[in-house]
Amino acid sequence: MSNMNGKRGGLWWKLLLWLLPAAFLLIFFYQPLTAILRLAFSMRAEGGGQSFFPGLAAKTFAFTLWQAVLSTLLTLVIGLPAAYLFSHYEFAGRKFLRLIALLPFILPTVVVAVSFNSLLGPRGWLNVGLMALFGLSEPPVRLLNSLPAILLAHVFYNSSIIIRIVGGAWSRLDQKLTQAAQMLGANPWQVFWEVTFPLLLPAAAGASLLVFLFDFTSFGVVLMLGGPAFATLEVEIYTQALYLFNLPLAGLLSLIQLAFTLLVAWAHNRVSLPRYGKAALSAEKANLRPPRTKKEKVFTFVTAAVLIALLLLPLLSLVTRSLVSLEAERGERGEAQTGFTLRYYRELFRDTTGSIFYVPPAVAVRNSVLYAAAAMLIANMLGLITSYALHFSGRLARWLEPVLILPLGASAVTLGLGFVIVFRRAPWDGVSFSILIPFAHALVALPLVVRTLLPALRGIPDSLRQAASTLGAGWARVFREVDLPLLLRPLLVCMVFAFTISLGEFGASSFLSTGRNPTIPVAIYRYISQPGALNYGQALAMSTILLVVCALGSLAIEKARLPGEELF
């Protein structure tokens, strides 16, 4: 009887653990998703006839697929040599370069777009230098609003995924396996294709699909660097919903994108499973050595130089361009100002227009910080509860985990559209869209929090909890004195991830933020889209502030990461 009561008690605890995450997902994910599905199958077209839907949808899908495939291939061209470099060689500046390689992954897309604008745009350093050198009156390089600009930004944005995942797997391969193959007479190519490649295949395939998924759902980069001629599904959903008010077509495009991204996410979970046990692994730094031969030194130098040019130049361009005025603007006292200036930063905190409709950029900074703090608390609290629910669900977790990770396959633009559809109707029609922003951001961050906390939780031996319980500790004390100390590092990583993701989230915020309560990315997009050197400079200044915050977050993640711990 007591055994049965114990089982019932355990079942009730599991149900209570699932209650809050399930309610959150039902209200803020599955309800908007259902609304989009209903809208996609609606026969009422608000912006055009149904006959135009299939053609536009097919054309947009084809371009989205094409640019994602091309971006992924180019990312592999840059990322795989870099992964080999970090996993095999110890060299001066390796830690700094590795830190820089992590930064693009947590950078907001608007910061990436503005960084490339400051380097390659009409007022970017490249055009400014060429115009000054050759005495030109017009910018000679016109990369913005082109496919190469999109591809370059995608490679910048996603190379860190290849470096981290493939490089991490490569650095932990046991060299005894390759040495054994060499002793049996295998040449270097045979060793690679018959030993190394099969061991790396799950990591490489999983990383490639993850890069493809991010390229396929790219929004800010395509919107700000591609221009009107290059519309992916994300951008077309945004345009149809916010500008053309054609919600049925936006719903149809969201459905197409969601179905395809879920298919890619399913394939990623299938191919990324390791095929070999821990016998094929070694310590993360066991394989590192300085480059010895001339070929190794040349490879190290060239690969490091390419990474610096790709990853560091756009960021340095953004920071320096935000501190330099190239136009003869009128300053506070009426004199023309060129050269070094802090004006763009000072202007963030005052209204020089005198308009009652003007919202200072400092308001956007304040809003984003408050939203990010709230989203961080929501995502980490729910992520911790969800991780415990999955951990104690046994075999059932295998079926429940995909349901919880499903928001990872949904784009932020799709979520924003779903929120607009659902929460403008009863009984939610009294809810302010601005209040919903932290919940949307937490929904975006939740899958990453769970994917980080769950492996750490599963790594805690049950014997520690049992020993504490035997000594009379209740569940609260077991959590406080056994689990929590071991989860502090992963929790810190999750907090930084959630905060930076919320701070730079653009897709859902573009639907939910109002003109009086913008977030930093929305404000950056508004300013960069308007003419005038001051607007351009303020966009650069806000992007630089976001860059600094993300750089500090990247440093905190690297310090908190345990050796061999995966971040993606």
Protein backbone atom coordinates (compact mmCIF):
# COMPACT_ATOMS: atom_id res chain seq x y z
CA MET A 1 0.00 0.00 0.00
CA SER A 2 2.83 2.39 0.92
CA ASN A 3 4.58 1.48 -2.33
CA MET A 4 1.43 2.38 -4.26
CA ASN A 5 1.12 5.66 -2.36
CA GLY A 6 4.77 6.41 -3.16
CA LYS A 7 4.12 5.82 -6.86
CA ARG A 8 1.07 8.07 -6.75
CA GLY A 9 3.06 10.76 -4.96
CA GLY A 10 5.79 10.55 -7.57
CA LEU A 11 3.21 10.78 -10.34
CA TRP A 12 1.66 13.88 -8.79
CA TRP A 13 5.08 15.54 -8.54
CA LYS A 14 5.74 14.79 -12.23
CA LEU A 15 2.37 16.23 -13.19
CA LEU A 16 3.06 19.37 -11.16
CA LEU A 17 6.44 19.77 -12.85
CA TRP A 18 4.79 19.58 -16.26
CA LEU A 19 1.94 21.95 -15.37
CA LEU A 20 3.73 25.31 -15.75
CA PRO A 21 5.77 24.53 -18.91
CA ALA A 22 2.73 22.95 -20.56
CA ALA A 23 0.53 25.96 -19.77
CA PHE A 24 3.19 28.37 -21.06
CA LEU A 25 3.62 26.50 -24.34
CA LEU A 26 -0.12 26.05 -24.86
CA ILE A 27 -0.82 29.76 -24.40
CA PHE A 28 2.22 31.32 -26.07
CA PHE A 29 3.18 28.78 -28.75
CA TYR A 30 0.52 26.23 -29.65
CA GLN A 31 -2.35 28.72 -29.48
CA PRO A 32 -0.64 31.16 -31.93
CA LEU A 33 0.45 28.20 -34.06
CA THR A 34 -3.14 26.96 -34.28
CA ALA A 35 -4.31 30.45 -35.20
CA ILE A 36 -1.78 30.57 -38.06
CA LEU A 37 -2.93 27.17 -39.29
CA ARG A 38 -6.54 28.35 -39.34
CA LEU A 39 -5.54 31.52 -41.12
CA ALA A 40 -3.45 29.65 -43.71
CA PHE A 41 -6.48 27.59 -44.74
CA SER A 42 -8.82 30.56 -44.74
CA MET A 43 -10.41 31.33 -48.12
CA ARG A 44 -10.54 35.06 -47.52
CA ALA A 45 -7.69 36.96 -49.12
CA GLU A 46 -7.35 40.45 -47.74
CA GLY A 47 -4.71 41.71 -50.15
CA GLY A 48 -5.27 39.83 -53.42
CA GLY A 49 -6.82 36.78 -55.00
CA GLN A 50 -6.07 33.22 -53.96
CA SER A 51 -4.75 32.52 -57.45
CA PHE A 52 -1.67 34.63 -56.67
CA PHE A 53 -0.79 32.66 -53.54
CA PRO A 54 0.85 29.53 -55.00
CA GLY A 55 3.07 31.39 -57.47
CA LEU A 56 4.43 33.89 -54.95
CA ALA A 57 4.82 31.21 -52.27
CA ALA A 58 6.73 28.89 -54.64
CA LYS A 59 9.02 31.69 -55.83
CA THR A 60 9.76 32.86 -52.30
CA PHE A 61 10.35 29.33 -51.05
CA ALA A 62 12.73 28.58 -53.97
CA PHE A 63 14.88 31.65 -53.24
CA THR A 64 14.87 30.93 -49.50
CA LEU A 65 16.03 27.37 -50.15
CA TRP A 66 18.66 28.43 -52.70
CA GLN A 67 20.29 31.11 -50.57
CA ALA A 68 20.27 28.80 -47.50
CA VAL A 69 22.03 26.00 -49.41
CA LEU A 70 24.59 28.39 -50.88
CA SER A 71 25.19 30.07 -47.50
CA THR A 72 25.67 26.69 -45.81
CA LEU A 73 28.22 25.53 -48.40
CA LEU A 74 30.20 28.76 -48.07
CA THR A 75 30.08 28.49 -44.28
CA LEU A 76 31.54 24.98 -44.50
CA VAL A 77 34.35 26.26 -46.75
CA ILE A 78 35.37 28.73 -44.02
CA GLY A 79 34.30 26.78 -40.93
CA LEU A 80 35.89 23.37 -41.53
CA PRO A 81 39.50 24.61 -41.91
CA ALA A 82 38.94 26.82 -38.85
CA ALA A 83 37.56 23.82 -36.91
CA TYR A 84 40.69 21.84 -37.82
CA LEU A 85 42.89 24.75 -36.74
CA PHE A 86 41.30 25.08 -33.29
CA SER A 87 41.17 21.32 -32.69
CA HIS A 88 44.79 20.54 -33.63
CA TYR A 89 47.09 23.52 -33.05
CA GLU A 90 48.11 25.66 -30.11
CA PHE A 91 49.24 29.10 -31.28
CA ALA A 92 49.56 32.66 -30.04
CA GLY A 93 46.18 34.37 -29.85
CA ARG A 94 44.20 31.10 -29.98
CA LYS A 95 42.05 31.93 -26.94
CA PHE A 96 41.25 35.41 -28.25
CA LEU A 97 40.40 34.12 -31.71
CA ARG A 98 38.23 31.39 -30.22
CA LEU A 99 36.37 34.00 -28.19
CA ILE A 100 35.86 36.14 -31.30
CA ALA A 101 34.58 33.02 -33.11
CA LEU A 102 31.84 32.59 -30.50
CA LEU A 103 30.70 36.22 -30.60
CA PRO A 104 28.85 36.19 -33.97
CA PHE A 105 26.51 33.42 -32.79
CA ILE A 106 25.08 35.55 -29.98
CA LEU A 107 25.17 38.83 -31.91
CA PRO A 108 21.76 40.22 -32.93
CA THR A 109 21.13 40.07 -36.67
CA VAL A 110 20.65 43.83 -36.83
CA VAL A 111 24.15 44.35 -35.39
CA VAL A 112 25.58 42.00 -38.03
CA ALA A 113 23.74 43.88 -40.78
CA VAL A 114 24.83 47.30 -39.50
CA SER A 115 28.44 46.06 -39.09
CA PHE A 116 28.62 45.07 -42.75
CA ASN A 117 26.89 48.31 -43.68
CA SER A 118 29.60 50.26 -41.83
CA LEU A 119 32.29 48.30 -43.70
CA LEU A 120 30.84 47.83 -47.20
CA GLY A 121 27.92 50.26 -47.41
CA PRO A 122 27.85 53.59 -49.30
CA ARG A 123 29.13 55.35 -46.15
CA GLY A 124 31.27 52.41 -45.02
CA TRP A 125 35.02 52.45 -44.58
CA LEU A 126 35.77 50.58 -47.83
CA ASN A 127 33.93 53.08 -50.02
CA VAL A 128 35.18 56.06 -48.00
CA GLY A 129 38.77 54.89 -48.42
CA LEU A 130 38.43 54.21 -52.15
CA MET A 131 36.70 57.55 -52.76
CA ALA A 132 39.46 59.40 -50.90
CA LEU A 133 42.23 57.42 -52.62
CA PHE A 134 40.99 57.86 -56.18
CA GLY A 135 39.13 61.16 -55.79
CA LEU A 136 35.72 59.66 -56.59
CA SER A 137 32.43 61.40 -55.95
CA GLU A 138 30.30 58.22 -55.81
CA PRO A 139 30.83 54.99 -53.84
CA PRO A 140 32.53 52.51 -56.21
CA VAL A 141 31.56 49.35 -54.31
CA ARG A 142 27.84 48.58 -54.17
CA LEU A 143 27.44 45.34 -52.25
CA LEU A 144 24.35 46.28 -50.28
CA ASN A 145 20.99 45.08 -51.61
CA SER A 146 22.68 42.11 -53.26
CA LEU A 147 22.93 38.36 -52.79
CA PRO A 148 26.71 38.46 -52.03
CA ALA A 149 26.01 40.75 -49.05
CA ILE A 150 23.49 38.24 -47.67
CA LEU A 151 25.86 35.31 -48.19
CA LEU A 152 28.81 37.12 -46.60
CA ALA A 153 26.78 38.03 -43.51
CA HIS A 154 25.47 34.47 -43.19
CA VAL A 155 29.00 33.07 -43.32
CA PHE A 156 30.06 35.59 -40.66
CA TYR A 157 27.04 34.75 -38.53
CA ASN A 158 27.19 30.94 -38.67
CA SER A 159 30.88 30.02 -38.97
CA SER A 160 31.03 29.83 -35.18
CA ILE A 161 28.57 26.91 -35.24
CA ILE A 162 30.85 24.84 -37.48
CA ILE A 163 33.91 25.85 -35.47
CA ARG A 164 32.33 24.97 -32.14
CA ILE A 165 30.51 21.76 -33.00
CA VAL A 166 32.89 20.19 -35.53
CA GLY A 167 36.00 21.61 -33.88
CA GLY A 168 34.83 20.36 -30.49
CA ALA A 169 34.21 16.86 -31.83
CA TRP A 170 37.52 16.86 -33.73
CA SER A 171 39.50 17.97 -30.67
CA ARG A 172 38.14 15.04 -28.62
CA LEU A 173 38.86 12.24 -31.11
CA ASP A 174 41.30 9.73 -29.66
CA GLN A 175 44.50 9.88 -31.72
CA LYS A 176 45.26 6.26 -30.88
CA LEU A 177 42.71 5.24 -33.53
CA THR A 178 44.47 7.16 -36.31
CA GLN A 179 47.87 5.99 -35.08
CA ALA A 180 46.66 2.39 -35.19
CA ALA A 181 45.47 2.89 -38.78
CA GLN A 182 48.85 4.35 -39.75
CA MET A 183 50.68 1.43 -38.18
CA LEU A 184 48.56 -0.91 -40.33
CA GLY A 185 49.83 0.87 -43.46
CA ALA A 186 47.07 3.41 -44.16
CA ASN A 187 48.12 6.65 -45.85
CA PRO A 188 46.84 10.04 -44.58
CA TRP A 189 43.85 10.08 -46.99
CA GLN A 190 42.81 6.56 -45.99
CA VAL A 191 43.12 7.48 -42.31
CA PHE A 192 40.86 10.49 -42.84
CA TRP A 193 38.16 8.79 -44.94
CA GLU A 194 38.06 5.49 -43.06
CA VAL A 195 38.68 6.60 -39.47
CA THR A 196 38.32 10.35 -38.90
CA PHE A 197 35.46 11.11 -41.29
CA PRO A 198 33.04 8.44 -39.94
CA LEU A 199 33.69 9.67 -36.40
CA LEU A 200 33.13 13.32 -37.37
CA LEU A 201 30.13 12.72 -39.63
CA PRO A 202 27.38 13.08 -36.97
CA ALA A 203 28.85 16.37 -35.70
CA ALA A 204 29.50 17.73 -39.20
CA ALA A 205 26.07 16.74 -40.52
CA GLY A 206 24.30 18.10 -37.44
CA ALA A 207 26.23 21.38 -37.58
CA SER A 208 25.52 21.76 -41.31
CA LEU A 209 21.79 21.25 -40.81
CA LEU A 210 21.81 23.72 -37.92
CA VAL A 211 23.54 26.31 -40.12
CA PHE A 212 21.06 25.60 -42.90
CA LEU A 213 18.18 26.07 -40.46
CA PHE A 214 19.47 29.48 -39.32
CA ASP A 215 20.08 30.55 -42.94
CA PHE A 216 16.64 29.35 -44.00
CA THR A 217 14.93 31.34 -41.23
CA SER A 218 17.18 34.41 -41.56
CA PHE A 219 15.27 37.66 -41.26
CA GLY A 220 17.22 40.73 -40.15
CA VAL A 221 20.23 40.07 -42.39
CA VAL A 222 18.08 39.57 -45.51
CA LEU A 223 15.80 42.51 -44.71
CA MET A 224 18.62 45.00 -44.10
CA LEU A 225 21.28 43.78 -46.56
CA GLY A 226 19.22 42.15 -49.31
CA GLY A 227 16.77 44.89 -50.10
CA PRO A 228 13.35 44.52 -51.77
CA ALA A 229 14.64 42.33 -54.61
CA PHE A 230 15.61 39.47 -52.26
CA ALA A 231 12.71 38.31 -50.11
CA THR A 232 12.93 35.08 -48.12
CA LEU A 233 9.93 33.50 -46.45
CA GLU A 234 10.66 35.45 -43.27
CA VAL A 235 10.84 38.79 -45.05
CA GLU A 236 7.76 38.07 -47.16
CA ILE A 237 5.75 37.12 -44.05
CA TYR A 238 6.83 40.41 -42.47
CA THR A 239 5.94 42.40 -45.60
CA GLN A 240 2.58 40.73 -46.21
CA ALA A 241 1.47 41.04 -42.59
CA LEU A 242 2.72 44.50 -41.57
CA TYR A 243 2.68 46.45 -44.83
CA LEU A 244 0.16 44.78 -47.15
CA PHE A 245 -2.16 43.48 -44.38
CA ASN A 246 -2.55 40.22 -46.31
CA LEU A 247 -2.76 37.93 -43.29
CA PRO A 248 -3.99 34.83 -45.19
CA LEU A 249 -0.90 34.84 -47.43
CA ALA A 250 1.33 35.55 -44.43
CA GLY A 251 -0.27 32.60 -42.67
CA LEU A 252 0.28 30.33 -45.67
CA LEU A 253 3.96 31.31 -45.91
CA SER A 254 4.34 30.75 -42.15
CA LEU A 255 2.86 27.28 -42.51
CA ILE A 256 5.25 26.40 -45.35
CA GLN A 257 8.23 27.66 -43.40
CA LEU A 258 7.21 25.94 -40.18
CA ALA A 259 6.67 22.59 -41.92
CA PHE A 260 10.05 22.75 -43.64
CA THR A 261 11.98 23.92 -40.57
CA LEU A 262 10.43 21.15 -38.46
CA LEU A 263 11.52 18.64 -41.12
CA VAL A 264 15.07 20.01 -40.96
CA ALA A 265 14.99 19.99 -37.13
CA TRP A 266 13.87 16.34 -37.18
CA ALA A 267 16.69 15.46 -39.61
CA HIS A 268 19.16 17.30 -37.37
CA ASN A 269 18.13 15.28 -34.32
CA ARG A 270 18.49 12.06 -36.34
CA VAL A 271 21.89 12.65 -37.92
CA SER A 272 23.60 14.39 -35.00
CA LEU A 273 23.37 11.35 -32.71
CA PRO A 274 26.91 9.99 -32.09
CA ARG A 275 27.51 6.59 -33.65
CA TYR A 276 30.43 5.66 -31.43
CA GLY A 277 30.88 5.47 -27.69
CA LYS A 278 33.27 7.28 -25.39
CA ALA A 279 36.05 4.86 -26.31
CA ALA A 280 36.68 7.01 -29.40
CA LEU A 281 37.04 10.19 -27.32
CA SER A 282 39.86 11.84 -25.44
CA ALA A 283 40.35 15.04 -23.44
CA GLU A 284 39.54 18.28 -25.27
CA LYS A 285 43.15 19.56 -25.24
CA ALA A 286 44.91 16.20 -25.57
CA ASN A 287 45.43 16.64 -29.33
CA LEU A 288 46.70 20.22 -29.33
CA ARG A 289 50.29 20.94 -30.35
CA PRO A 290 52.18 23.88 -31.89
CA PRO A 291 52.46 23.89 -35.70
CA ARG A 292 55.86 22.48 -36.62
CA THR A 293 56.28 22.11 -40.36
CA LYS A 294 56.25 24.97 -42.85
CA LYS A 295 52.90 23.81 -44.26
CA GLU A 296 51.35 23.75 -40.80
CA LYS A 297 52.62 27.26 -40.02
CA VAL A 298 51.36 28.63 -43.35
CA PHE A 299 47.97 26.94 -42.80
CA THR A 300 47.73 28.39 -39.29
CA PHE A 301 48.64 31.90 -40.45
CA VAL A 302 46.33 31.94 -43.48
CA THR A 303 43.33 30.46 -41.64
CA ALA A 304 43.76 32.84 -38.68
CA ALA A 305 44.10 35.80 -41.08
CA VAL A 306 40.89 34.83 -42.92
CA LEU A 307 39.03 34.51 -39.61
CA ILE A 308 40.27 37.90 -38.44
CA ALA A 309 39.27 39.52 -41.73
CA LEU A 310 35.84 37.88 -41.70
CA LEU A 311 34.95 38.12 -38.01
CA LEU A 312 36.89 41.07 -36.65
CA LEU A 313 36.93 43.63 -39.46
CA PRO A 314 33.14 44.22 -39.58
CA LEU A 315 33.02 44.61 -35.79
CA LEU A 316 35.98 47.00 -35.68
CA SER A 317 34.43 48.91 -38.57
CA LEU A 318 31.18 49.30 -36.61
CA VAL A 319 32.90 50.59 -33.47
CA THR A 320 35.23 53.02 -35.23
CA ARG A 321 32.55 54.29 -37.62
CA SER A 322 30.30 55.10 -34.64
CA LEU A 323 33.06 57.37 -33.29
CA VAL A 324 33.87 59.20 -36.52
CA SER A 325 31.83 61.81 -38.36
CA LEU A 326 32.70 61.90 -42.05
CA GLU A 327 30.08 64.48 -43.00
CA ALA A 328 30.37 68.16 -42.10
CA GLU A 329 27.41 68.13 -39.71
CA ARG A 330 26.42 71.07 -37.60
CA GLY A 331 27.22 70.46 -33.98
CA GLU A 332 25.70 71.93 -30.84
CA ARG A 333 27.34 75.33 -31.35
CA GLY A 334 26.69 75.49 -35.09
CA GLU A 335 30.24 74.71 -36.25
CA ALA A 336 30.98 72.04 -38.82
CA GLN A 337 32.32 68.87 -37.22
CA THR A 338 34.32 66.09 -38.83
CA GLY A 339 36.61 63.43 -37.43
CA PHE A 340 36.38 61.90 -33.96
CA THR A 341 33.09 62.59 -32.19
CA LEU A 342 30.88 61.28 -29.40
CA ARG A 343 27.88 63.13 -30.76
CA TYR A 344 26.10 60.00 -31.97
CA TYR A 345 26.16 58.61 -28.43
CA ARG A 346 25.11 61.90 -26.82
CA GLU A 347 22.18 62.21 -29.19
CA LEU A 348 20.80 58.90 -27.93
CA PHE A 349 19.72 60.62 -24.73
CA ARG A 350 18.02 63.79 -25.90
CA ASP A 351 15.30 65.00 -28.22
CA THR A 352 16.64 67.59 -30.63
CA THR A 353 13.60 67.51 -32.92
CA GLY A 354 11.11 68.97 -30.48
CA SER A 355 8.41 66.63 -31.80
CA ILE A 356 5.92 65.12 -29.40
CA PHE A 357 6.01 61.93 -31.49
CA TYR A 358 9.77 61.53 -31.16
CA VAL A 359 11.01 58.65 -28.99
CA PRO A 360 14.65 59.02 -27.85
CA PRO A 361 16.83 55.96 -28.54
CA ALA A 362 17.57 55.80 -24.82
CA VAL A 363 13.95 54.71 -24.35
CA ALA A 364 14.61 51.75 -26.65
CA VAL A 365 17.70 50.87 -24.60
CA ARG A 366 15.68 50.99 -21.38
CA ASN A 367 12.86 48.91 -22.89
CA SER A 368 15.23 46.25 -24.20
CA VAL A 369 17.05 45.89 -20.89
CA LEU A 370 13.76 45.50 -19.00
CA TYR A 371 12.37 43.05 -21.55
CA ALA A 372 15.64 41.07 -21.55
CA ALA A 373 15.72 40.82 -17.75
CA ALA A 374 12.11 39.61 -17.67
CA ALA A 375 12.68 37.14 -20.52
CA MET A 376 15.82 35.82 -18.82
CA LEU A 377 13.91 35.11 -15.60
CA ILE A 378 10.98 33.48 -17.43
CA ALA A 379 13.15 31.34 -19.73
CA ASN A 380 15.49 30.14 -16.97
CA MET A 381 12.72 29.39 -14.48
CA LEU A 382 10.70 27.47 -17.07
CA GLY A 383 13.83 25.86 -18.51
CA LEU A 384 14.92 24.56 -15.11
CA ILE A 385 11.44 23.17 -14.33
CA THR A 386 11.17 21.65 -17.81
CA SER A 387 14.60 20.03 -17.51
CA TYR A 388 13.60 18.39 -14.22
CA ALA A 389 10.29 17.28 -15.73
CA LEU A 390 12.12 15.65 -18.66
CA HIS A 391 14.78 14.15 -16.40
CA PHE A 392 12.24 12.38 -14.17
CA SER A 393 9.91 11.30 -16.99
CA GLY A 394 11.97 8.26 -17.96
CA ARG A 395 11.15 6.82 -21.38
CA LEU A 396 8.30 9.29 -21.78
CA ALA A 397 10.88 12.09 -22.11
CA ARG A 398 11.86 10.71 -25.52
CA TRP A 399 8.42 11.68 -26.82
CA LEU A 400 7.94 14.85 -24.78
CA GLU A 401 11.29 16.49 -25.50
CA PRO A 402 10.51 17.19 -29.21
CA VAL A 403 7.23 18.84 -28.16
CA LEU A 404 9.15 21.21 -25.89
CA ILE A 405 11.94 21.84 -28.39
CA LEU A 406 9.41 22.53 -31.18
CA PRO A 407 9.63 26.35 -30.77
CA LEU A 408 13.26 26.09 -31.94
CA GLY A 409 11.92 25.19 -35.38
CA ALA A 410 9.49 28.11 -35.49
CA SER A 411 10.81 31.45 -36.66
CA ALA A 412 10.49 34.56 -34.53
CA VAL A 413 8.55 36.29 -37.33
CA THR A 414 6.04 33.44 -37.35
CA LEU A 415 5.70 33.71 -33.56
CA GLY A 416 5.18 37.47 -33.82
CA LEU A 417 2.45 36.99 -36.44
CA GLY A 418 0.77 34.34 -34.28
CA PHE A 419 0.82 36.67 -31.27
CA VAL A 420 -0.79 39.45 -33.29
CA ILE A 421 -3.56 37.13 -34.52
CA VAL A 422 -4.34 35.62 -31.11
CA PHE A 423 -3.93 38.49 -28.68
CA ARG A 424 -5.93 41.04 -30.61
CA ARG A 425 -9.08 38.97 -30.02
CA ALA A 426 -11.17 38.18 -26.95
CA PRO A 427 -10.42 37.26 -24.22
CA TRP A 428 -6.90 38.63 -24.81
CA ASP A 429 -7.81 41.84 -26.67
CA GLY A 430 -7.14 44.01 -23.60
CA VAL A 431 -3.55 42.80 -23.32
CA SER A 432 -0.87 45.23 -24.48
CA PHE A 433 1.44 43.84 -27.14
CA SER A 434 4.42 45.39 -25.30
CA ILE A 435 3.72 43.21 -22.25
CA LEU A 436 3.89 40.15 -24.49
CA ILE A 437 7.42 40.88 -25.73
CA PRO A 438 9.26 39.18 -22.80
CA PHE A 439 7.08 36.07 -23.23
CA ALA A 440 7.87 35.92 -26.95
CA HIS A 441 11.59 36.34 -26.23
CA ALA A 442 11.46 33.69 -23.50
CA LEU A 443 9.79 31.33 -25.95
CA VAL A 444 12.67 31.84 -28.40
CA ALA A 445 15.27 31.23 -25.67
CA LEU A 446 13.53 28.33 -23.87
CA PRO A 447 14.69 25.49 -26.19
CA LEU A 448 18.32 26.62 -25.88
CA VAL A 449 18.00 26.78 -22.09
CA VAL A 450 16.58 23.25 -21.96
CA ARG A 451 19.24 21.90 -24.34
CA THR A 452 21.92 23.36 -22.06
CA LEU A 453 20.48 22.41 -18.66
CA LEU A 454 19.17 18.92 -19.42
CA PRO A 455 22.56 17.28 -20.18
CA ALA A 456 24.03 18.93 -17.06
CA LEU A 457 21.14 17.65 -14.96
CA ARG A 458 21.46 14.14 -16.37
CA GLY A 459 25.15 14.22 -15.51
CA ILE A 460 24.47 14.52 -11.76
CA PRO A 461 24.77 11.03 -10.17
CA ASP A 462 21.56 9.89 -8.46
CA SER A 463 23.71 8.45 -5.69
CA LEU A 464 24.42 11.98 -4.45
CA ARG A 465 20.70 12.73 -4.08
CA GLN A 466 20.06 9.35 -2.45
CA ALA A 467 22.87 9.90 0.04
CA ALA A 468 21.47 13.32 0.98
CA SER A 469 17.95 11.86 1.34
CA THR A 470 19.30 9.05 3.54
CA LEU A 471 20.82 11.67 5.83
CA GLY A 472 17.38 13.28 6.22
CA ALA A 473 17.48 16.06 3.65
CA GLY A 474 14.18 16.97 2.02
CA TRP A 475 13.78 17.61 -1.69
CA ALA A 476 14.28 21.38 -1.27
CA ARG A 477 17.53 20.91 0.62
CA VAL A 478 18.71 18.27 -1.88
CA PHE A 479 18.13 20.75 -4.68
CA ARG A 480 19.82 23.60 -2.80
CA GLU A 481 22.90 21.72 -1.59
CA VAL A 482 23.39 18.99 -4.22
CA ASP A 483 21.90 19.97 -7.58
CA LEU A 484 22.18 23.76 -7.54
CA PRO A 485 25.97 23.97 -6.96
CA LEU A 486 26.52 21.58 -9.88
CA LEU A 487 24.10 23.51 -12.11
CA LEU A 488 25.47 27.00 -11.41
CA ARG A 489 27.76 27.12 -14.46
CA PRO A 490 25.11 25.89 -16.94
CA LEU A 491 22.59 28.27 -15.36
CA LEU A 492 24.97 31.18 -15.83
CA VAL A 493 25.42 30.24 -19.50
CA CYS A 494 21.64 30.03 -19.90
CA MET A 495 21.10 33.40 -18.26
CA VAL A 496 23.61 35.08 -20.57
CA PHE A 497 22.17 33.33 -23.61
CA ALA A 498 18.59 34.27 -22.73
CA PHE A 499 19.50 37.89 -21.92
CA THR A 500 21.49 38.46 -25.13
CA ILE A 501 18.91 36.64 -27.29
CA SER A 502 16.16 38.85 -25.89
CA LEU A 503 18.26 41.99 -26.18
CA GLY A 504 18.84 41.43 -29.89
CA GLU A 505 15.62 39.70 -30.94
CA PHE A 506 14.14 41.46 -33.96
CA GLY A 507 11.56 39.21 -35.66
CA ALA A 508 8.86 38.97 -33.01
CA SER A 509 9.64 42.46 -31.65
CA SER A 510 8.93 44.02 -35.05
CA PHE A 511 5.33 42.80 -34.69
CA LEU A 512 4.82 43.49 -30.98
CA SER A 513 6.69 46.72 -30.20
CA THR A 514 4.80 49.96 -30.66
CA GLY A 515 6.00 53.31 -31.94
CA ARG A 516 6.22 54.61 -28.37
CA ASN A 517 7.91 51.49 -26.94
CA PRO A 518 10.49 50.21 -29.43
CA THR A 519 13.27 47.76 -28.63
CA ILE A 520 16.90 48.44 -29.59
CA PRO A 521 16.83 46.29 -32.78
CA VAL A 522 13.57 47.89 -33.95
CA ALA A 523 14.99 51.36 -33.27
CA ILE A 524 18.22 50.49 -35.12
CA TYR A 525 16.24 49.37 -38.15
CA ARG A 526 14.19 52.56 -38.11
CA TYR A 527 17.25 54.80 -37.91
CA ILE A 528 19.32 52.91 -40.49
CA SER A 529 16.37 53.06 -42.91
CA GLN A 530 16.05 56.85 -42.67
CA PRO A 531 18.19 59.36 -44.56
CA GLY A 532 20.64 61.64 -42.81
CA ALA A 533 24.07 61.27 -41.22
CA LEU A 534 22.71 61.69 -37.69
CA ASN A 535 20.19 58.87 -38.07
CA TYR A 536 22.92 56.66 -39.52
CA GLY A 537 25.28 57.56 -36.67
CA GLN A 538 22.71 56.83 -33.97
CA ALA A 539 22.05 53.41 -35.54
CA LEU A 540 25.80 52.76 -35.38
CA ALA A 541 25.97 53.91 -31.76
CA MET A 542 23.10 51.68 -30.64
CA SER A 543 24.58 48.73 -32.54
CA THR A 544 27.92 49.29 -30.83
CA ILE A 545 26.25 49.26 -27.40
CA LEU A 546 24.61 45.94 -28.29
CA LEU A 547 27.96 44.63 -29.55
CA VAL A 548 29.70 45.48 -26.27
CA VAL A 549 26.98 43.78 -24.22
CA CYS A 550 27.16 40.66 -26.39
CA ALA A 551 30.97 40.64 -26.22
CA LEU A 552 30.77 40.67 -22.41
CA GLY A 553 28.20 37.87 -22.63
CA SER A 554 30.47 35.87 -24.92
CA LEU A 555 33.32 36.27 -22.43
CA ALA A 556 31.08 35.17 -19.55
CA ILE A 557 29.93 32.08 -21.48
CA GLU A 558 33.51 31.12 -22.32
CA LYS A 559 34.58 31.51 -18.69
CA ALA A 560 31.59 29.54 -17.39
CA ARG A 561 31.89 26.73 -19.96
CA LEU A 562 33.39 23.52 -18.65
CA PRO A 563 36.08 21.83 -20.78
CA GLY A 564 34.39 19.67 -23.41
CA GLU A 565 30.96 21.16 -22.74
CA GLU A 566 28.90 21.78 -25.88
CA LEU A 567 27.15 25.11 -26.31
CA PHE A 568 24.89 24.27 -29.26
